[in-house]
Amino acid sequence: MPAKDHRRQPAGDEPLTARSPLRTRAVMSGVTLVAAVVVAILFLLLGSPPANRVVAGICAAFGLVAVIDLAVIGWRLHR
């Protein structure tokens, strides 16, 4: 007796019903941007050791990546 194939057959309308993860990605980038800016400012204001400036710079870099990601997401959503 041949084994049954229980995989779901495609309906043929996947491109019409597909859900884009771009909005979720935008929310995550927005949260990252806010958190990175807040933490960078806190590290700059609360400490003077060079390590605090390094951490603030790293947080600022994360914020920059989030801004670039939000720009790419906006471009993809509106094309």
PDB file of N, CA and C in Angstrom:
ATOM      1  N   MET A   1       0.844  -1.159   0.000  1.00  0.00           N
ATOM      2  CA  MET A   1       0.000   0.000   0.000  1.00  0.00           C
ATOM      3  C   MET A   1       0.902   1.239   0.000  1.00  0.00           C
ATOM      4  N   PRO A   2       0.698   2.198  -0.919  1.00  0.00           N
ATOM      5  CA  PRO A   2       1.551   3.384  -0.987  1.00  0.00           C
ATOM      6  C   PRO A   2       1.262   4.331   0.181  1.00  0.00           C
ATOM      7  N   ALA A   3       2.303   5.023   0.609  1.00  0.00           N
ATOM      8  CA  ALA A   3       2.147   5.979   1.707  1.00  0.00           C
ATOM      9  C   ALA A   3       1.387   7.206   1.213  1.00  0.00           C
ATOM     10  N   LYS A   4       0.548   7.739   2.088  1.00  0.00           N
ATOM     11  CA  LYS A   4      -0.228   8.926   1.722  1.00  0.00           C
ATOM     12  C   LYS A   4       0.610  10.180   1.951  1.00  0.00           C
ATOM     13  N   ASP A   5       0.454  11.125   1.064  1.00  0.00           N
ATOM     14  CA  ASP A   5       1.146  12.407   1.187  1.00  0.00           C
ATOM     15  C   ASP A   5       0.172  13.380   1.855  1.00  0.00           C
ATOM     16  N   HIS A   6       0.458  13.740   3.116  1.00  0.00           N
ATOM     17  CA  HIS A   6      -0.456  14.588   3.883  1.00  0.00           C
ATOM     18  C   HIS A   6      -0.101  16.070   3.798  1.00  0.00           C
ATOM     19  N   ARG A   7       0.781  16.427   2.904  1.00  0.00           N
ATOM     20  CA  ARG A   7       1.109  17.842   2.750  1.00  0.00           C
ATOM     21  C   ARG A   7      -0.062  18.576   2.125  1.00  0.00           C
ATOM     22  N   ARG A   8      -0.251  19.794   2.583  1.00  0.00           N
ATOM     23  CA  ARG A   8      -1.343  20.622   2.074  1.00  0.00           C
ATOM     24  C   ARG A   8      -1.022  21.075   0.653  1.00  0.00           C
ATOM     25  N   GLN A   9      -1.993  20.948  -0.210  1.00  0.00           N
ATOM     26  CA  GLN A   9      -1.826  21.412  -1.580  1.00  0.00           C
ATOM     27  C   GLN A   9      -2.003  22.923  -1.619  1.00  0.00           C
ATOM     28  N   PRO A  10      -1.138  23.629  -2.351  1.00  0.00           N
ATOM     29  CA  PRO A  10      -1.298  25.078  -2.434  1.00  0.00           C
ATOM     30  C   PRO A  10      -2.626  25.452  -3.080  1.00  0.00           C
ATOM     31  N   ALA A  11      -3.239  26.502  -2.572  1.00  0.00           N
ATOM     32  CA  ALA A  11      -4.531  26.934  -3.086  1.00  0.00           C
ATOM     33  C   ALA A  11      -4.385  27.720  -4.379  1.00  0.00           C
ATOM     34  N   GLY A  12      -3.207  28.249  -4.634  1.00  0.00           N
ATOM     35  CA  GLY A  12      -2.995  29.012  -5.853  1.00  0.00           C
ATOM     36  C   GLY A  12      -3.174  30.507  -5.678  1.00  0.00           C
ATOM     37  N   ASP A  13      -3.620  30.958  -4.491  1.00  0.00           N
ATOM     38  CA  ASP A  13      -3.810  32.388  -4.263  1.00  0.00           C
ATOM     39  C   ASP A  13      -2.878  32.927  -3.174  1.00  0.00           C
ATOM     40  N   GLU A  14      -1.762  32.257  -2.957  1.00  0.00           N
ATOM     41  CA  GLU A  14      -0.848  32.681  -1.902  1.00  0.00           C
ATOM     42  C   GLU A  14      -0.356  34.127  -2.056  1.00  0.00           C
ATOM     43  N   PRO A  15       0.021  34.569  -3.259  1.00  0.00           N
ATOM     44  CA  PRO A  15       0.472  35.957  -3.357  1.00  0.00           C
ATOM     45  C   PRO A  15      -0.617  36.956  -2.969  1.00  0.00           C
ATOM     46  N   LEU A  16      -1.874  36.612  -3.159  1.00  0.00           N
ATOM     47  CA  LEU A  16      -2.960  37.517  -2.811  1.00  0.00           C
ATOM     48  C   LEU A  16      -3.241  37.522  -1.312  1.00  0.00           C
ATOM     49  N   THR A  17      -3.011  36.394  -0.639  1.00  0.00           N
ATOM     50  CA  THR A  17      -3.346  36.296   0.777  1.00  0.00           C
ATOM     51  C   THR A  17      -2.123  36.301   1.680  1.00  0.00           C
ATOM     52  N   ALA A  18      -0.936  36.464   1.101  1.00  0.00           N
ATOM     53  CA  ALA A  18       0.288  36.453   1.905  1.00  0.00           C
ATOM     54  C   ALA A  18       0.325  37.668   2.820  1.00  0.00           C
ATOM     55  N   ARG A  19       0.846  37.470   4.018  1.00  0.00           N
ATOM     56  CA  ARG A  19       0.952  38.566   4.987  1.00  0.00           C
ATOM     57  C   ARG A  19       2.409  39.008   5.059  1.00  0.00           C
ATOM     58  N   SER A  20       2.608  40.296   5.025  1.00  0.00           N
ATOM     59  CA  SER A  20       3.954  40.853   5.034  1.00  0.00           C
ATOM     60  C   SER A  20       4.415  41.086   6.473  1.00  0.00           C
ATOM     61  N   PRO A  21       5.657  40.711   6.790  1.00  0.00           N
ATOM     62  CA  PRO A  21       6.183  40.966   8.129  1.00  0.00           C
ATOM     63  C   PRO A  21       6.763  42.377   8.282  1.00  0.00           C
ATOM     64  N   LEU A  22       6.558  43.242   7.300  1.00  0.00           N
ATOM     65  CA  LEU A  22       7.195  44.559   7.334  1.00  0.00           C
ATOM     66  C   LEU A  22       6.658  45.429   8.460  1.00  0.00           C
ATOM     67  N   ARG A  23       5.379  45.347   8.749  1.00  0.00           N
ATOM     68  CA  ARG A  23       4.832  46.181   9.825  1.00  0.00           C
ATOM     69  C   ARG A  23       5.371  45.741  11.183  1.00  0.00           C
ATOM     70  N   THR A  24       5.496  44.450  11.396  1.00  0.00           N
ATOM     71  CA  THR A  24       6.084  43.955  12.641  1.00  0.00           C
ATOM     72  C   THR A  24       7.537  44.378  12.736  1.00  0.00           C
ATOM     73  N   ARG A  25       8.240  44.285  11.637  1.00  0.00           N
ATOM     74  CA  ARG A  25       9.640  44.713  11.603  1.00  0.00           C
ATOM     75  C   ARG A  25       9.755  46.208  11.887  1.00  0.00           C
ATOM     76  N   ALA A  26       8.797  46.998  11.398  1.00  0.00           N
ATOM     77  CA  ALA A  26       8.807  48.434  11.654  1.00  0.00           C
ATOM     78  C   ALA A  26       8.597  48.725  13.135  1.00  0.00           C
ATOM     79  N   VAL A  27       7.710  47.999  13.771  1.00  0.00           N
ATOM     80  CA  VAL A  27       7.485  48.185  15.210  1.00  0.00           C
ATOM     81  C   VAL A  27       8.751  47.841  15.980  1.00  0.00           C
ATOM     82  N   MET A  28       9.379  46.741  15.622  1.00  0.00           N
ATOM     83  CA  MET A  28      10.607  46.335  16.316  1.00  0.00           C
ATOM     84  C   MET A  28      11.722  47.363  16.102  1.00  0.00           C
ATOM     85  N   SER A  29      11.834  47.897  14.905  1.00  0.00           N
ATOM     86  CA  SER A  29      12.857  48.919  14.639  1.00  0.00           C
ATOM     87  C   SER A  29      12.550  50.207  15.389  1.00  0.00           C
ATOM     88  N   GLY A  30      11.277  50.558  15.488  1.00  0.00           N
ATOM     89  CA  GLY A  30      10.901  51.756  16.234  1.00  0.00           C
ATOM     90  C   GLY A  30      11.222  51.634  17.712  1.00  0.00           C
ATOM     91  N   VAL A  31      10.934  50.479  18.281  1.00  0.00           N
ATOM     92  CA  VAL A  31      11.262  50.242  19.694  1.00  0.00           C
ATOM     93  C   VAL A  31      12.773  50.266  19.893  1.00  0.00           C
ATOM     94  N   THR A  32      13.502  49.654  18.988  1.00  0.00           N
ATOM     95  CA  THR A  32      14.964  49.654  19.075  1.00  0.00           C
ATOM     96  C   THR A  32      15.513  51.070  18.975  1.00  0.00           C
ATOM     97  N   LEU A  33      14.963  51.871  18.084  1.00  0.00           N
ATOM     98  CA  LEU A  33      15.426  53.247  17.931  1.00  0.00           C
ATOM     99  C   LEU A  33      15.229  54.038  19.219  1.00  0.00           C
ATOM    100  N   VAL A  34      14.042  53.952  19.797  1.00  0.00           N
ATOM    101  CA  VAL A  34      13.758  54.691  21.029  1.00  0.00           C
ATOM    102  C   VAL A  34      14.666  54.213  22.154  1.00  0.00           C
ATOM    103  N   ALA A  35      14.782  52.907  22.319  1.00  0.00           N
ATOM    104  CA  ALA A  35      15.617  52.362  23.396  1.00  0.00           C
ATOM    105  C   ALA A  35      17.081  52.756  23.202  1.00  0.00           C
ATOM    106  N   ALA A  36      17.570  52.686  21.987  1.00  0.00           N
ATOM    107  CA  ALA A  36      18.976  53.013  21.731  1.00  0.00           C
ATOM    108  C   ALA A  36      19.263  54.479  22.024  1.00  0.00           C
ATOM    109  N   VAL A  37      18.363  55.361  21.635  1.00  0.00           N
ATOM    110  CA  VAL A  37      18.568  56.787  21.886  1.00  0.00           C
ATOM    111  C   VAL A  37      18.518  57.078  23.386  1.00  0.00           C
ATOM    112  N   VAL A  38      17.549  56.505  24.085  1.00  0.00           N
ATOM    113  CA  VAL A  38      17.429  56.740  25.530  1.00  0.00           C
ATOM    114  C   VAL A  38      18.664  56.226  26.261  1.00  0.00           C
ATOM    115  N   VAL A  39      19.099  55.018  25.948  1.00  0.00           N
ATOM    116  CA  VAL A  39      20.262  54.445  26.633  1.00  0.00           C
ATOM    117  C   VAL A  39      21.531  55.235  26.294  1.00  0.00           C
ATOM    118  N   ALA A  40      21.674  55.661  25.052  1.00  0.00           N
ATOM    119  CA  ALA A  40      22.850  56.446  24.674  1.00  0.00           C
ATOM    120  C   ALA A  40      22.889  57.762  25.449  1.00  0.00           C
ATOM    121  N   ILE A  41      21.761  58.420  25.559  1.00  0.00           N
ATOM    122  CA  ILE A  41      21.709  59.682  26.303  1.00  0.00           C
ATOM    123  C   ILE A  41      22.006  59.449  27.778  1.00  0.00           C
ATOM    124  N   LEU A  42      21.441  58.394  28.344  1.00  0.00           N
ATOM    125  CA  LEU A  42      21.706  58.091  29.758  1.00  0.00           C
ATOM    126  C   LEU A  42      23.190  57.821  30.003  1.00  0.00           C
ATOM    127  N   PHE A  43      23.821  57.059  29.145  1.00  0.00           N
ATOM    128  CA  PHE A  43      25.246  56.771  29.329  1.00  0.00           C
ATOM    129  C   PHE A  43      26.095  58.032  29.166  1.00  0.00           C
ATOM    130  N   LEU A  44      25.684  58.926  28.287  1.00  0.00           N
ATOM    131  CA  LEU A  44      26.442  60.160  28.123  1.00  0.00           C
ATOM    132  C   LEU A  44      26.271  61.091  29.325  1.00  0.00           C
ATOM    133  N   LEU A  45      25.075  61.127  29.892  1.00  0.00           N
ATOM    134  CA  LEU A  45      24.802  62.047  30.990  1.00  0.00           C
ATOM    135  C   LEU A  45      25.265  61.528  32.348  1.00  0.00           C
ATOM    136  N   LEU A  46      25.226  60.216  32.547  1.00  0.00           N
ATOM    137  CA  LEU A  46      25.470  59.660  33.876  1.00  0.00           C
ATOM    138  C   LEU A  46      26.912  59.312  34.163  1.00  0.00           C
ATOM    139  N   GLY A  47      27.740  59.288  33.175  1.00  0.00           N
ATOM    140  CA  GLY A  47      29.099  58.862  33.468  1.00  0.00           C
ATOM    141  C   GLY A  47      30.127  59.573  32.631  1.00  0.00           C
ATOM    142  N   SER A  48      31.321  59.649  33.178  1.00  0.00           N
ATOM    143  CA  SER A  48      32.392  60.284  32.437  1.00  0.00           C
ATOM    144  C   SER A  48      33.492  59.322  31.996  1.00  0.00           C
ATOM    145  N   PRO A  49      33.544  58.091  32.530  1.00  0.00           N
ATOM    146  CA  PRO A  49      34.599  57.200  32.049  1.00  0.00           C
ATOM    147  C   PRO A  49      34.481  56.950  30.541  1.00  0.00           C
ATOM    148  N   PRO A  50      35.601  56.700  29.904  1.00  0.00           N
ATOM    149  CA  PRO A  50      35.567  56.440  28.454  1.00  0.00           C
ATOM    150  C   PRO A  50      34.680  55.251  28.076  1.00  0.00           C
ATOM    151  N   ALA A  51      34.542  54.306  28.989  1.00  0.00           N
ATOM    152  CA  ALA A  51      33.700  53.143  28.676  1.00  0.00           C
ATOM    153  C   ALA A  51      32.252  53.562  28.447  1.00  0.00           C
ATOM    154  N   ASN A  52      31.791  54.556  29.184  1.00  0.00           N
ATOM    155  CA  ASN A  52      30.414  55.016  28.992  1.00  0.00           C
ATOM    156  C   ASN A  52      30.225  55.642  27.613  1.00  0.00           C
ATOM    157  N   ARG A  53      31.242  56.348  27.155  1.00  0.00           N
ATOM    158  CA  ARG A  53      31.153  56.934  25.813  1.00  0.00           C
ATOM    159  C   ARG A  53      31.163  55.861  24.732  1.00  0.00           C
ATOM    160  N   VAL A  54      31.908  54.806  24.974  1.00  0.00           N
ATOM    161  CA  VAL A  54      31.934  53.691  24.010  1.00  0.00           C
ATOM    162  C   VAL A  54      30.570  53.035  23.938  1.00  0.00           C
ATOM    163  N   VAL A  55      29.979  52.777  25.106  1.00  0.00           N
ATOM    164  CA  VAL A  55      28.647  52.165  25.135  1.00  0.00           C
ATOM    165  C   VAL A  55      27.622  53.092  24.488  1.00  0.00           C
ATOM    166  N   ALA A  56      27.723  54.394  24.748  1.00  0.00           N
ATOM    167  CA  ALA A  56      26.819  55.354  24.111  1.00  0.00           C
ATOM    168  C   ALA A  56      26.987  55.343  22.595  1.00  0.00           C
ATOM    169  N   GLY A  57      28.222  55.218  22.130  1.00  0.00           N
ATOM    170  CA  GLY A  57      28.461  55.135  20.684  1.00  0.00           C
ATOM    171  C   GLY A  57      27.880  53.876  20.072  1.00  0.00           C
ATOM    172  N   ILE A  58      27.996  52.770  20.799  1.00  0.00           N
ATOM    173  CA  ILE A  58      27.413  51.513  20.309  1.00  0.00           C
ATOM    174  C   ILE A  58      25.890  51.644  20.231  1.00  0.00           C
ATOM    175  N   CYS A  59      25.291  52.240  21.252  1.00  0.00           N
ATOM    176  CA  CYS A  59      23.835  52.441  21.232  1.00  0.00           C
ATOM    177  C   CYS A  59      23.426  53.372  20.094  1.00  0.00           C
ATOM    178  N   ALA A  60      24.219  54.407  19.854  1.00  0.00           N
ATOM    179  CA  ALA A  60      23.925  55.311  18.743  1.00  0.00           C
ATOM    180  C   ALA A  60      24.014  54.578  17.405  1.00  0.00           C
ATOM    181  N   ALA A  61      24.962  53.649  17.292  1.00  0.00           N
ATOM    182  CA  ALA A  61      25.074  52.850  16.062  1.00  0.00           C
ATOM    183  C   ALA A  61      23.839  51.978  15.870  1.00  0.00           C
ATOM    184  N   PHE A  62      23.357  51.378  16.966  1.00  0.00           N
ATOM    185  CA  PHE A  62      22.112  50.595  16.877  1.00  0.00           C
ATOM    186  C   PHE A  62      20.947  51.485  16.442  1.00  0.00           C
ATOM    187  N   GLY A  63      20.907  52.704  16.969  1.00  0.00           N
ATOM    188  CA  GLY A  63      19.863  53.640  16.563  1.00  0.00           C
ATOM    189  C   GLY A  63      19.952  53.989  15.090  1.00  0.00           C
ATOM    190  N   LEU A  64      21.171  54.160  14.591  1.00  0.00           N
ATOM    191  CA  LEU A  64      21.360  54.452  13.172  1.00  0.00           C
ATOM    192  C   LEU A  64      20.894  53.289  12.296  1.00  0.00           C
ATOM    193  N   VAL A  65      21.205  52.087  12.711  1.00  0.00           N
ATOM    194  CA  VAL A  65      20.741  50.903  11.968  1.00  0.00           C
ATOM    195  C   VAL A  65      19.218  50.847  11.970  1.00  0.00           C
ATOM    196  N   ALA A  66      18.599  51.189  13.098  1.00  0.00           N
ATOM    197  CA  ALA A  66      17.138  51.184  13.175  1.00  0.00           C
ATOM    198  C   ALA A  66      16.538  52.240  12.248  1.00  0.00           C
ATOM    199  N   VAL A  67      17.162  53.403  12.165  1.00  0.00           N
ATOM    200  CA  VAL A  67      16.672  54.456  11.270  1.00  0.00           C
ATOM    201  C   VAL A  67      16.775  54.009   9.813  1.00  0.00           C
ATOM    202  N   ILE A  68      17.887  53.407   9.457  1.00  0.00           N
ATOM    203  CA  ILE A  68      18.056  52.911   8.090  1.00  0.00           C
ATOM    204  C   ILE A  68      17.026  51.827   7.789  1.00  0.00           C
ATOM    205  N   ASP A  69      16.799  50.932   8.751  1.00  0.00           N
ATOM    206  CA  ASP A  69      15.817  49.871   8.562  1.00  0.00           C
ATOM    207  C   ASP A  69      14.415  50.464   8.386  1.00  0.00           C
ATOM    208  N   LEU A  70      14.065  51.473   9.178  1.00  0.00           N
ATOM    209  CA  LEU A  70      12.758  52.111   9.029  1.00  0.00           C
ATOM    210  C   LEU A  70      12.618  52.776   7.659  1.00  0.00           C
ATOM    211  N   ALA A  71      13.694  53.354   7.154  1.00  0.00           N
ATOM    212  CA  ALA A  71      13.649  53.961   5.823  1.00  0.00           C
ATOM    213  C   ALA A  71      13.426  52.908   4.739  1.00  0.00           C
ATOM    214  N   VAL A  72      14.112  51.786   4.868  1.00  0.00           N
ATOM    215  CA  VAL A  72      13.935  50.695   3.898  1.00  0.00           C
ATOM    216  C   VAL A  72      12.519  50.137   3.977  1.00  0.00           C
ATOM    217  N   ILE A  73      12.006  49.972   5.178  1.00  0.00           N
ATOM    218  CA  ILE A  73      10.648  49.451   5.349  1.00  0.00           C
ATOM    219  C   ILE A  73       9.646  50.414   4.726  1.00  0.00           C
ATOM    220  N   GLY A  74       9.817  51.711   4.996  1.00  0.00           N
ATOM    221  CA  GLY A  74       8.906  52.704   4.405  1.00  0.00           C
ATOM    222  C   GLY A  74       8.936  52.672   2.889  1.00  0.00           C
ATOM    223  N   TRP A  75      10.130  52.532   2.334  1.00  0.00           N
ATOM    224  CA  TRP A  75      10.255  52.461   0.876  1.00  0.00           C
ATOM    225  C   TRP A  75       9.551  51.217   0.338  1.00  0.00           C
ATOM    226  N   ARG A  76       9.719  50.089   1.012  1.00  0.00           N
ATOM    227  CA  ARG A  76       9.103  48.841   0.527  1.00  0.00           C
ATOM    228  C   ARG A  76       7.589  48.857   0.673  1.00  0.00           C
ATOM    229  N   LEU A  77       7.074  49.489   1.724  1.00  0.00           N
ATOM    230  CA  LEU A  77       5.624  49.539   1.922  1.00  0.00           C
ATOM    231  C   LEU A  77       4.938  50.445   0.917  1.00  0.00           C
ATOM    232  N   HIS A  78       5.648  51.467   0.435  1.00  0.00           N
ATOM    233  CA  HIS A  78       5.004  52.445  -0.434  1.00  0.00           C
ATOM    234  C   HIS A  78       5.356  52.310  -1.905  1.00  0.00           C
ATOM    235  N   ARG A  79       6.014  51.226  -2.271  1.00  0.00           N
ATOM    236  CA  ARG A  79       6.313  51.058  -3.698  1.00  0.00           C
ATOM    237  C   ARG A  79       5.255  50.270  -4.398  1.00  0.00           C
TER     238      ARG A  79
END
